[in-house]
Amino acid sequence: MPSHPRRFIVAVSLIALLLVTVGAVVEAPTVSADRPKWEYRVAYYDLTQDTRMIAELNALGKEGWELVAVTMPKVQPGPLEVKPYYSVFLKRRR
């Protein structure tokens, strides 16, 4: 320990404060004005109408929509007949 413990403690405290401040500035997330903004769309298609689905998705692609996910619910056999369908998720830049 140095001969002046008070000065040592003050110096160490200032260094720690400086490191914390610099670390906060370096790690702070930056929000950029040129960051892309997206709009989203969900479409539903009957499994028996693949031709219609493909035609519509191609038309949406020409409008700038990008397909990002497709889901299909599992259909349980039972008294109510439910048509299985695709849920199609799309996005495009605003």
Protein backbone atom coordinates (compact mmCIF):
# COMPACT_ATOMS: atom_id res chain seq x y z
CA MET A 1 0.00 0.00 0.00
CA PRO A 2 1.33 3.47 -0.83
CA SER A 3 2.36 5.91 1.88
CA HIS A 4 -0.75 8.04 1.26
CA PRO A 5 -3.70 5.60 1.43
CA ARG A 6 -6.27 8.37 0.93
CA ARG A 7 -4.71 9.47 -2.39
CA PHE A 8 -4.48 5.85 -3.48
CA ILE A 9 -8.17 5.23 -2.76
CA VAL A 10 -9.18 8.42 -4.58
CA ALA A 11 -7.01 7.50 -7.59
CA VAL A 12 -8.42 3.96 -7.76
CA SER A 13 -11.97 5.33 -7.43
CA LEU A 14 -11.42 7.82 -10.26
CA ILE A 15 -9.95 5.12 -12.50
CA ALA A 16 -12.90 2.82 -11.75
CA LEU A 17 -15.36 5.63 -12.50
CA LEU A 18 -13.56 6.39 -15.76
CA LEU A 19 -13.65 2.72 -16.82
CA VAL A 20 -17.36 2.41 -16.02
CA THR A 21 -18.14 5.61 -17.94
CA VAL A 22 -16.10 4.60 -20.97
CA GLY A 23 -17.61 1.11 -20.87
CA ALA A 24 -21.13 2.54 -20.82
CA VAL A 25 -20.37 4.75 -23.80
CA VAL A 26 -18.75 1.94 -25.79
CA GLU A 27 -21.48 -0.62 -25.04
CA ALA A 28 -24.46 1.70 -25.46
CA PRO A 29 -26.67 0.54 -28.31
CA THR A 30 -26.81 2.98 -31.15
CA VAL A 31 -30.02 3.65 -33.02
CA SER A 32 -29.25 4.63 -36.55
CA ALA A 33 -31.55 6.73 -38.70
CA ASP A 34 -30.67 4.57 -41.72
CA ARG A 35 -31.75 1.36 -39.96
CA PRO A 36 -34.38 -0.41 -42.08
CA LYS A 37 -38.02 -0.20 -41.09
CA TRP A 38 -40.30 -3.11 -41.93
CA GLU A 39 -43.99 -3.70 -42.47
CA TYR A 40 -45.47 -7.15 -42.01
CA ARG A 41 -48.31 -9.10 -43.54
CA VAL A 42 -49.93 -12.48 -42.83
CA ALA A 43 -51.81 -14.39 -45.52
CA TYR A 44 -53.74 -17.66 -45.27
CA TYR A 45 -53.99 -20.25 -48.04
CA ASP A 46 -56.01 -23.45 -48.30
CA LEU A 47 -53.74 -26.47 -48.88
CA THR A 48 -55.83 -27.53 -51.86
CA GLN A 49 -55.17 -24.25 -53.71
CA ASP A 50 -51.41 -24.41 -54.28
CA THR A 51 -51.65 -22.85 -57.74
CA ARG A 52 -53.50 -19.79 -56.37
CA MET A 53 -51.05 -19.49 -53.48
CA ILE A 54 -48.01 -19.56 -55.77
CA ALA A 55 -49.52 -16.97 -58.13
CA GLU A 56 -50.40 -14.62 -55.25
CA LEU A 57 -47.00 -15.00 -53.57
CA ASN A 58 -45.25 -14.23 -56.87
CA ALA A 59 -47.39 -11.09 -57.23
CA LEU A 60 -46.57 -10.05 -53.65
CA GLY A 61 -42.88 -10.65 -54.36
CA LYS A 62 -43.07 -8.20 -57.27
CA GLU A 63 -44.48 -5.64 -54.80
CA GLY A 64 -41.40 -6.08 -52.58
CA TRP A 65 -42.82 -8.58 -50.07
CA GLU A 66 -40.40 -11.24 -48.82
CA LEU A 67 -41.60 -14.58 -47.45
CA VAL A 68 -40.07 -15.10 -44.00
CA ALA A 69 -42.04 -18.03 -42.52
CA VAL A 70 -44.76 -20.56 -43.23
CA THR A 71 -46.71 -22.57 -40.66
CA MET A 72 -49.37 -25.21 -40.98
CA PRO A 73 -51.52 -26.22 -38.01
CA LYS A 74 -51.98 -29.90 -37.27
CA VAL A 75 -55.54 -31.02 -37.92
CA GLN A 76 -57.01 -33.63 -35.59
CA PRO A 77 -59.63 -35.96 -37.01
CA GLY A 78 -63.01 -35.41 -35.38
CA PRO A 79 -66.63 -34.48 -35.87
CA LEU A 80 -65.80 -30.98 -37.15
CA GLU A 81 -64.01 -31.01 -40.46
CA VAL A 82 -61.49 -28.18 -40.51
CA LYS A 83 -59.66 -27.35 -43.70
CA PRO A 84 -55.90 -27.29 -43.20
CA TYR A 85 -54.27 -24.07 -44.36
CA TYR A 86 -50.89 -22.39 -44.61
CA SER A 87 -50.18 -19.27 -42.56
CA VAL A 88 -47.70 -17.25 -44.61
CA PHE A 89 -45.70 -14.43 -42.99
CA LEU A 90 -44.19 -11.72 -45.19
CA LYS A 91 -42.23 -8.50 -44.68
CA ARG A 92 -41.03 -5.60 -46.79
CA ARG A 93 -39.21 -2.32 -46.27
CA ARG A 94 -41.35 0.71 -45.68
